[in-house]
Amino acid sequence: MDQLARHKQLVKQIVEEIAAIQGNPNTSLNIQLITDDEHGHYLLYNNQWREERRYYGCFLHIGVPADTGRIWIHHDGTDLIIAEKLLENGVSKQDIVLAHRSPIMRPDTGFAIA
């Protein structure tokens, strides 16, 4: 299995695990898991009503584009640190882009710039 396929498989596994935890029937959250293996996008959305207030939006978006094969963390609104989970699973810092940070700030993170 090549690096791109491994990264997609790992990211999908992590996102599915988070969705299972967040979407637990004992919580009031309505989590929607959106995966696009072909284009390498993995998202978690919150979509619910509490009384008169709507809670809607993406709280996790990770991309694994074919042109770089790197893992791009576009948004991490979880209480986990997704980059740390990736490192724990053997992904090197040079294969992770903290895309939610400005490109100017990325060199200081120790992770990939692009």
C-alpha atoms as a PDB file:
ATOM      1  CA  MET A   1       0.000   0.000   0.000  1.00  0.00           C
ATOM      2  CA  ASP A   2       1.425   3.381  -0.974  1.00  0.00           C
ATOM      3  CA  GLN A   3       1.683   6.389   1.332  1.00  0.00           C
ATOM      4  CA  LEU A   4      -1.402   8.151  -0.100  1.00  0.00           C
ATOM      5  CA  ALA A   5      -3.606   5.099   0.478  1.00  0.00           C
ATOM      6  CA  ARG A   6      -2.176   4.588   3.998  1.00  0.00           C
ATOM      7  CA  HIS A   7      -2.799   8.214   4.922  1.00  0.00           C
ATOM      8  CA  LYS A   8      -6.382   8.119   3.609  1.00  0.00           C
ATOM      9  CA  GLN A   9      -7.073   4.880   5.461  1.00  0.00           C
ATOM     10  CA  LEU A  10      -5.657   6.208   8.743  1.00  0.00           C
ATOM     11  CA  VAL A  11      -7.474   9.550   8.526  1.00  0.00           C
ATOM     12  CA  LYS A  12     -10.764   7.818   7.723  1.00  0.00           C
ATOM     13  CA  GLN A  13     -10.291   5.468  10.685  1.00  0.00           C
ATOM     14  CA  ILE A  14      -9.590   8.354  13.088  1.00  0.00           C
ATOM     15  CA  VAL A  15     -12.548  10.405  11.838  1.00  0.00           C
ATOM     16  CA  GLU A  16     -14.867   7.396  12.104  1.00  0.00           C
ATOM     17  CA  GLU A  17     -13.683   6.758  15.693  1.00  0.00           C
ATOM     18  CA  ILE A  18     -14.365  10.375  16.652  1.00  0.00           C
ATOM     19  CA  ALA A  19     -17.790  10.238  14.983  1.00  0.00           C
ATOM     20  CA  ALA A  20     -18.646   7.098  16.962  1.00  0.00           C
ATOM     21  CA  ILE A  21     -17.655   8.756  20.235  1.00  0.00           C
ATOM     22  CA  GLN A  22     -19.344  12.088  19.497  1.00  0.00           C
ATOM     23  CA  GLY A  23     -22.463  10.460  18.055  1.00  0.00           C
ATOM     24  CA  ASN A  24     -23.000   8.293  21.131  1.00  0.00           C
ATOM     25  CA  PRO A  25     -26.753   7.924  21.835  1.00  0.00           C
ATOM     26  CA  ASN A  26     -26.114   9.145  25.394  1.00  0.00           C
ATOM     27  CA  THR A  27     -25.148  12.586  24.046  1.00  0.00           C
ATOM     28  CA  SER A  28     -27.431  15.147  22.475  1.00  0.00           C
ATOM     29  CA  LEU A  29     -25.158  15.617  19.464  1.00  0.00           C
ATOM     30  CA  ASN A  30     -26.205  14.818  15.927  1.00  0.00           C
ATOM     31  CA  ILE A  31     -22.907  14.182  14.169  1.00  0.00           C
ATOM     32  CA  GLN A  32     -22.707  13.754  10.414  1.00  0.00           C
ATOM     33  CA  LEU A  33     -19.690  11.992   8.960  1.00  0.00           C
ATOM     34  CA  ILE A  34     -18.789  13.010   5.424  1.00  0.00           C
ATOM     35  CA  THR A  35     -16.078  11.087   3.590  1.00  0.00           C
ATOM     36  CA  ASP A  36     -14.858  11.455   0.037  1.00  0.00           C
ATOM     37  CA  ASP A  37     -12.148   8.871  -0.571  1.00  0.00           C
ATOM     38  CA  GLU A  38     -11.832   9.784  -4.235  1.00  0.00           C
ATOM     39  CA  HIS A  39     -10.897  13.402  -3.519  1.00  0.00           C
ATOM     40  CA  GLY A  40      -9.432  12.828  -0.051  1.00  0.00           C
ATOM     41  CA  HIS A  41     -11.761  14.837   2.196  1.00  0.00           C
ATOM     42  CA  TYR A  42     -12.967  13.736   5.638  1.00  0.00           C
ATOM     43  CA  LEU A  43     -15.338  15.925   7.643  1.00  0.00           C
ATOM     44  CA  LEU A  44     -17.452  15.861  10.773  1.00  0.00           C
ATOM     45  CA  TYR A  45     -20.460  18.152  11.023  1.00  0.00           C
ATOM     46  CA  ASN A  46     -22.719  19.026  13.918  1.00  0.00           C
ATOM     47  CA  ASN A  47     -26.351  19.369  12.805  1.00  0.00           C
ATOM     48  CA  GLN A  48     -28.945  19.776  15.524  1.00  0.00           C
ATOM     49  CA  TRP A  49     -31.553  21.940  17.173  1.00  0.00           C
ATOM     50  CA  ARG A  50     -31.701  22.694  20.897  1.00  0.00           C
ATOM     51  CA  GLU A  51     -34.995  24.376  21.608  1.00  0.00           C
ATOM     52  CA  GLU A  52     -34.999  27.426  19.325  1.00  0.00           C
ATOM     53  CA  ARG A  53     -31.290  27.440  18.527  1.00  0.00           C
ATOM     54  CA  ARG A  54     -29.642  25.624  15.628  1.00  0.00           C
ATOM     55  CA  TYR A  55     -26.135  24.222  15.958  1.00  0.00           C
ATOM     56  CA  TYR A  56     -24.659  23.570  12.545  1.00  0.00           C
ATOM     57  CA  GLY A  57     -21.156  23.503  11.226  1.00  0.00           C
ATOM     58  CA  CYS A  58     -17.996  21.646  10.490  1.00  0.00           C
ATOM     59  CA  PHE A  59     -15.870  20.834  13.516  1.00  0.00           C
ATOM     60  CA  LEU A  60     -13.299  18.605  11.804  1.00  0.00           C
ATOM     61  CA  HIS A  61     -11.953  18.743   8.239  1.00  0.00           C
ATOM     62  CA  ILE A  62      -8.936  16.773   7.114  1.00  0.00           C
ATOM     63  CA  GLY A  63      -7.757  16.495   3.533  1.00  0.00           C
ATOM     64  CA  VAL A  64      -5.377  14.044   1.892  1.00  0.00           C
ATOM     65  CA  PRO A  65      -4.883  15.412  -1.627  1.00  0.00           C
ATOM     66  CA  ALA A  66      -3.386  13.120  -4.227  1.00  0.00           C
ATOM     67  CA  ASP A  67      -0.922  15.751  -5.460  1.00  0.00           C
ATOM     68  CA  THR A  68       0.992  15.897  -2.156  1.00  0.00           C
ATOM     69  CA  GLY A  69      -0.075  12.768  -0.281  1.00  0.00           C
ATOM     70  CA  ARG A  70       0.317  14.789   2.904  1.00  0.00           C
ATOM     71  CA  ILE A  71      -2.376  15.089   5.545  1.00  0.00           C
ATOM     72  CA  TRP A  72      -3.831  18.611   5.676  1.00  0.00           C
ATOM     73  CA  ILE A  73      -5.638  19.503   8.898  1.00  0.00           C
ATOM     74  CA  HIS A  74      -7.939  22.283   7.677  1.00  0.00           C
ATOM     75  CA  HIS A  75      -9.994  22.570  10.866  1.00  0.00           C
ATOM     76  CA  ASP A  76      -9.757  20.796  14.212  1.00  0.00           C
ATOM     77  CA  GLY A  77     -12.565  21.786  16.535  1.00  0.00           C
ATOM     78  CA  THR A  78     -12.347  18.610  18.582  1.00  0.00           C
ATOM     79  CA  ASP A  79     -11.072  18.391  22.130  1.00  0.00           C
ATOM     80  CA  LEU A  80      -8.434  16.011  20.772  1.00  0.00           C
ATOM     81  CA  ILE A  81      -5.302  17.137  19.026  1.00  0.00           C
ATOM     82  CA  ILE A  82      -5.587  15.395  15.671  1.00  0.00           C
ATOM     83  CA  ALA A  83      -1.945  16.062  14.755  1.00  0.00           C
ATOM     84  CA  GLU A  84      -0.867  14.233  17.929  1.00  0.00           C
ATOM     85  CA  LYS A  85      -3.105  11.268  17.073  1.00  0.00           C
ATOM     86  CA  LEU A  86      -1.492  11.098  13.641  1.00  0.00           C
ATOM     87  CA  LEU A  87       2.003  11.205  15.148  1.00  0.00           C
ATOM     88  CA  GLU A  88       1.054   8.425  17.596  1.00  0.00           C
ATOM     89  CA  ASN A  89       0.040   6.348  14.572  1.00  0.00           C
ATOM     90  CA  GLY A  90       3.419   6.694  12.875  1.00  0.00           C
ATOM     91  CA  VAL A  91       2.856   9.668  10.559  1.00  0.00           C
ATOM     92  CA  SER A  92       5.917  11.935  10.405  1.00  0.00           C
ATOM     93  CA  LYS A  93       5.680  15.673  11.041  1.00  0.00           C
ATOM     94  CA  GLN A  94       6.819  16.250   7.455  1.00  0.00           C
ATOM     95  CA  ASP A  95       3.650  14.506   6.225  1.00  0.00           C
ATOM     96  CA  ILE A  96       1.263  16.691   8.262  1.00  0.00           C
ATOM     97  CA  VAL A  97       0.290  20.234   7.276  1.00  0.00           C
ATOM     98  CA  LEU A  98      -1.412  22.390   9.896  1.00  0.00           C
ATOM     99  CA  ALA A  99      -3.511  24.092   7.217  1.00  0.00           C
ATOM    100  CA  HIS A 100      -5.603  25.948   9.787  1.00  0.00           C
ATOM    101  CA  ARG A 101      -2.486  28.031  10.517  1.00  0.00           C
ATOM    102  CA  SER A 102      -1.286  30.838   8.281  1.00  0.00           C
ATOM    103  CA  PRO A 103       1.430  29.723   5.816  1.00  0.00           C
ATOM    104  CA  ILE A 104       3.672  32.388   7.373  1.00  0.00           C
ATOM    105  CA  MET A 105       3.391  30.711  10.794  1.00  0.00           C
ATOM    106  CA  ARG A 106       3.794  27.100   9.629  1.00  0.00           C
ATOM    107  CA  PRO A 107       7.626  26.982   9.583  1.00  0.00           C
ATOM    108  CA  ASP A 108       7.657  27.567  13.352  1.00  0.00           C
ATOM    109  CA  THR A 109       5.448  24.506  14.027  1.00  0.00           C
ATOM    110  CA  GLY A 110       7.925  21.814  12.975  1.00  0.00           C
ATOM    111  CA  PHE A 111       5.272  20.347  10.684  1.00  0.00           C
ATOM    112  CA  ALA A 112       5.204  20.495   6.880  1.00  0.00           C
ATOM    113  CA  ILE A 113       4.665  23.903   5.310  1.00  0.00           C
ATOM    114  CA  ALA A 114       2.674  22.743   2.281  1.00  0.00           C
END
